[in-house]
């Protein structure tokens, strides 16, 4: 068994993350995709599989479009021990701007994963 120096196996972590068109009642991705349609896709989700999170864990993102900052958010789980969490991105009036997006995910302020996705 390999152990990485400096990593605490009990620390909160994002084990996996995907972009999705939909989720089920348990917060699992049911429409995983990396390319979305600017006219058809009104809501997209960044769905994470988590390990060792508590209500005090801070999950956050910074979102970019074609390398430029779009927005960011910080959230906390509603209870200890959840394994699924997601951020929702919903377009109101108009269409999403076309381009290449990058979502950088953080756990307690530490960079965890990046999710690239595209709107065409």
C-alpha atoms as a PDB file:
ATOM      1  CA  UNK A   1       0.000   0.000   0.000  1.00  0.00           C
ATOM      2  CA  UNK A   2       1.417   3.382  -1.037  1.00  0.00           C
ATOM      3  CA  UNK A   3       1.100   6.325   1.307  1.00  0.00           C
ATOM      4  CA  UNK A   4       1.621   9.856   0.083  1.00  0.00           C
ATOM      5  CA  UNK A   5       3.587  12.055   2.452  1.00  0.00           C
ATOM      6  CA  UNK A   6       1.651  14.937   3.921  1.00  0.00           C
ATOM      7  CA  UNK A   7      -1.806  13.609   3.040  1.00  0.00           C
ATOM      8  CA  UNK A   8      -4.172  12.965   5.886  1.00  0.00           C
ATOM      9  CA  UNK A   9      -6.505  10.082   4.934  1.00  0.00           C
ATOM     10  CA  UNK A  10      -9.117  11.423   7.398  1.00  0.00           C
ATOM     11  CA  UNK A  11      -9.148  14.899   5.828  1.00  0.00           C
ATOM     12  CA  UNK A  12     -12.242  15.999   3.873  1.00  0.00           C
ATOM     13  CA  UNK A  13     -11.773  15.407   0.149  1.00  0.00           C
ATOM     14  CA  UNK A  14     -13.454  15.480  -3.248  1.00  0.00           C
ATOM     15  CA  UNK A  15     -12.954  11.989  -4.628  1.00  0.00           C
ATOM     16  CA  UNK A  16     -14.594  12.614  -7.998  1.00  0.00           C
ATOM     17  CA  UNK A  17     -16.356  15.467  -9.780  1.00  0.00           C
ATOM     18  CA  UNK A  18     -18.316  15.618 -13.032  1.00  0.00           C
ATOM     19  CA  UNK A  19     -20.479  18.092 -14.914  1.00  0.00           C
ATOM     20  CA  UNK A  20     -24.035  16.917 -15.529  1.00  0.00           C
ATOM     21  CA  UNK A  21     -27.320  17.955 -17.140  1.00  0.00           C
ATOM     22  CA  UNK A  22     -29.321  16.350 -14.345  1.00  0.00           C
ATOM     23  CA  UNK A  23     -29.173  14.724 -10.917  1.00  0.00           C
ATOM     24  CA  UNK A  24     -31.261  12.117  -9.127  1.00  0.00           C
ATOM     25  CA  UNK A  25     -32.952  12.446  -5.725  1.00  0.00           C
ATOM     26  CA  UNK A  26     -29.729  11.438  -3.946  1.00  0.00           C
ATOM     27  CA  UNK A  27     -27.607  14.035  -5.763  1.00  0.00           C
ATOM     28  CA  UNK A  28     -25.932  11.607  -8.176  1.00  0.00           C
ATOM     29  CA  UNK A  29     -25.140  12.808 -11.696  1.00  0.00           C
ATOM     30  CA  UNK A  30     -27.586  11.287 -14.199  1.00  0.00           C
ATOM     31  CA  UNK A  31     -26.700  13.265 -17.316  1.00  0.00           C
ATOM     32  CA  UNK A  32     -22.913  13.448 -17.242  1.00  0.00           C
ATOM     33  CA  UNK A  33     -21.492  15.619 -20.033  1.00  0.00           C
ATOM     34  CA  UNK A  34     -18.556  17.836 -20.919  1.00  0.00           C
ATOM     35  CA  UNK A  35     -20.235  19.655 -23.816  1.00  0.00           C
ATOM     36  CA  UNK A  36     -23.517  21.541 -23.418  1.00  0.00           C
ATOM     37  CA  UNK A  37     -25.845  23.314 -25.862  1.00  0.00           C
ATOM     38  CA  UNK A  38     -26.267  27.080 -25.357  1.00  0.00           C
ATOM     39  CA  UNK A  39     -29.922  26.948 -26.402  1.00  0.00           C
ATOM     40  CA  UNK A  40     -31.087  23.646 -24.890  1.00  0.00           C
ATOM     41  CA  UNK A  41     -29.194  23.336 -21.611  1.00  0.00           C
ATOM     42  CA  UNK A  42     -30.642  25.799 -19.084  1.00  0.00           C
ATOM     43  CA  UNK A  43     -29.319  24.150 -15.899  1.00  0.00           C
ATOM     44  CA  UNK A  44     -26.015  22.340 -15.373  1.00  0.00           C
ATOM     45  CA  UNK A  45     -24.559  20.790 -12.239  1.00  0.00           C
ATOM     46  CA  UNK A  46     -21.072  20.241 -10.871  1.00  0.00           C
ATOM     47  CA  UNK A  47     -21.557  16.989  -8.950  1.00  0.00           C
ATOM     48  CA  UNK A  48     -18.983  15.867  -6.390  1.00  0.00           C
ATOM     49  CA  UNK A  49     -18.402  12.600  -4.576  1.00  0.00           C
ATOM     50  CA  UNK A  50     -17.038  13.444  -1.130  1.00  0.00           C
ATOM     51  CA  UNK A  51     -15.133  11.735   1.666  1.00  0.00           C
ATOM     52  CA  UNK A  52     -14.896  12.684   5.355  1.00  0.00           C
ATOM     53  CA  UNK A  53     -16.881  15.936   5.164  1.00  0.00           C
ATOM     54  CA  UNK A  54     -18.630  17.583   8.086  1.00  0.00           C
ATOM     55  CA  UNK A  55     -21.031  20.513   8.398  1.00  0.00           C
ATOM     56  CA  UNK A  56     -17.959  22.695   8.934  1.00  0.00           C
ATOM     57  CA  UNK A  57     -16.269  21.684   5.660  1.00  0.00           C
ATOM     58  CA  UNK A  58     -16.131  24.555   3.184  1.00  0.00           C
ATOM     59  CA  UNK A  59     -16.683  23.532  -0.431  1.00  0.00           C
ATOM     60  CA  UNK A  60     -16.113  26.237  -3.011  1.00  0.00           C
ATOM     61  CA  UNK A  61     -15.470  26.966  -6.650  1.00  0.00           C
ATOM     62  CA  UNK A  62     -14.091  29.608  -8.955  1.00  0.00           C
ATOM     63  CA  UNK A  63     -15.499  29.546 -12.496  1.00  0.00           C
ATOM     64  CA  UNK A  64     -13.777  30.852 -15.621  1.00  0.00           C
ATOM     65  CA  UNK A  65     -14.940  31.362 -19.220  1.00  0.00           C
ATOM     66  CA  UNK A  66     -12.190  31.427 -21.851  1.00  0.00           C
ATOM     67  CA  UNK A  67      -9.675  32.121 -19.075  1.00  0.00           C
ATOM     68  CA  UNK A  68     -11.583  35.050 -17.528  1.00  0.00           C
ATOM     69  CA  UNK A  69     -13.178  35.026 -14.074  1.00  0.00           C
ATOM     70  CA  UNK A  70     -16.981  34.522 -14.097  1.00  0.00           C
ATOM     71  CA  UNK A  71     -17.993  33.873 -10.478  1.00  0.00           C
ATOM     72  CA  UNK A  72     -17.283  31.986  -7.261  1.00  0.00           C
ATOM     73  CA  UNK A  73     -19.177  30.525  -4.341  1.00  0.00           C
ATOM     74  CA  UNK A  74     -18.574  28.943  -0.938  1.00  0.00           C
ATOM     75  CA  UNK A  75     -21.027  26.461   0.611  1.00  0.00           C
ATOM     76  CA  UNK A  76     -21.147  23.998   3.472  1.00  0.00           C
ATOM     77  CA  UNK A  77     -22.887  20.608   3.683  1.00  0.00           C
ATOM     78  CA  UNK A  78     -26.093  20.493   5.721  1.00  0.00           C
ATOM     79  CA  UNK A  79     -24.910  17.473   7.750  1.00  0.00           C
ATOM     80  CA  UNK A  80     -21.854  15.428   8.616  1.00  0.00           C
ATOM     81  CA  UNK A  81     -20.855  12.466   6.470  1.00  0.00           C
ATOM     82  CA  UNK A  82     -22.634  13.276   3.204  1.00  0.00           C
ATOM     83  CA  UNK A  83     -21.082  11.691   0.131  1.00  0.00           C
ATOM     84  CA  UNK A  84     -22.751  13.732  -2.648  1.00  0.00           C
ATOM     85  CA  UNK A  85     -22.795  17.483  -3.105  1.00  0.00           C
ATOM     86  CA  UNK A  86     -23.439  19.682  -6.108  1.00  0.00           C
ATOM     87  CA  UNK A  87     -23.325  23.250  -7.296  1.00  0.00           C
ATOM     88  CA  UNK A  88     -26.104  24.354  -9.655  1.00  0.00           C
ATOM     89  CA  UNK A  89     -25.632  26.771 -12.537  1.00  0.00           C
ATOM     90  CA  UNK A  90     -28.884  28.044 -13.991  1.00  0.00           C
ATOM     91  CA  UNK A  91     -29.221  30.449 -16.882  1.00  0.00           C
ATOM     92  CA  UNK A  92     -32.090  32.862 -16.588  1.00  0.00           C
ATOM     93  CA  UNK A  93     -33.025  34.991 -19.598  1.00  0.00           C
ATOM     94  CA  UNK A  94     -30.974  34.448 -22.757  1.00  0.00           C
ATOM     95  CA  UNK A  95     -28.368  31.797 -23.453  1.00  0.00           C
ATOM     96  CA  UNK A  96     -25.105  30.792 -21.843  1.00  0.00           C
ATOM     97  CA  UNK A  97     -22.144  32.436 -23.543  1.00  0.00           C
ATOM     98  CA  UNK A  98     -20.402  30.035 -25.917  1.00  0.00           C
ATOM     99  CA  UNK A  99     -16.915  28.996 -24.930  1.00  0.00           C
ATOM    100  CA  UNK A 100     -14.657  26.924 -22.755  1.00  0.00           C
ATOM    101  CA  UNK A 101     -15.398  26.956 -19.035  1.00  0.00           C
ATOM    102  CA  UNK A 102     -13.192  25.776 -16.206  1.00  0.00           C
ATOM    103  CA  UNK A 103     -14.502  25.127 -12.720  1.00  0.00           C
ATOM    104  CA  UNK A 104     -11.805  24.932 -10.037  1.00  0.00           C
ATOM    105  CA  UNK A 105     -13.061  23.162  -6.903  1.00  0.00           C
ATOM    106  CA  UNK A 106     -11.715  23.696  -3.383  1.00  0.00           C
ATOM    107  CA  UNK A 107     -12.065  21.966  -0.002  1.00  0.00           C
ATOM    108  CA  UNK A 108     -11.451  24.241   2.976  1.00  0.00           C
ATOM    109  CA  UNK A 109      -9.631  26.681   0.704  1.00  0.00           C
ATOM    110  CA  UNK A 110      -7.302  24.056  -0.765  1.00  0.00           C
ATOM    111  CA  UNK A 111      -7.450  23.473  -4.528  1.00  0.00           C
ATOM    112  CA  UNK A 112      -8.809  20.001  -5.218  1.00  0.00           C
ATOM    113  CA  UNK A 113      -9.979  19.415  -8.807  1.00  0.00           C
ATOM    114  CA  UNK A 114     -10.635  21.188 -12.084  1.00  0.00           C
ATOM    115  CA  UNK A 115     -13.602  20.477 -14.309  1.00  0.00           C
ATOM    116  CA  UNK A 116     -13.424  21.726 -17.883  1.00  0.00           C
ATOM    117  CA  UNK A 117     -16.663  21.968 -19.881  1.00  0.00           C
ATOM    118  CA  UNK A 118     -17.854  23.703 -23.013  1.00  0.00           C
ATOM    119  CA  UNK A 119     -20.988  25.455 -24.219  1.00  0.00           C
ATOM    120  CA  UNK A 120     -21.494  25.289 -28.008  1.00  0.00           C
END
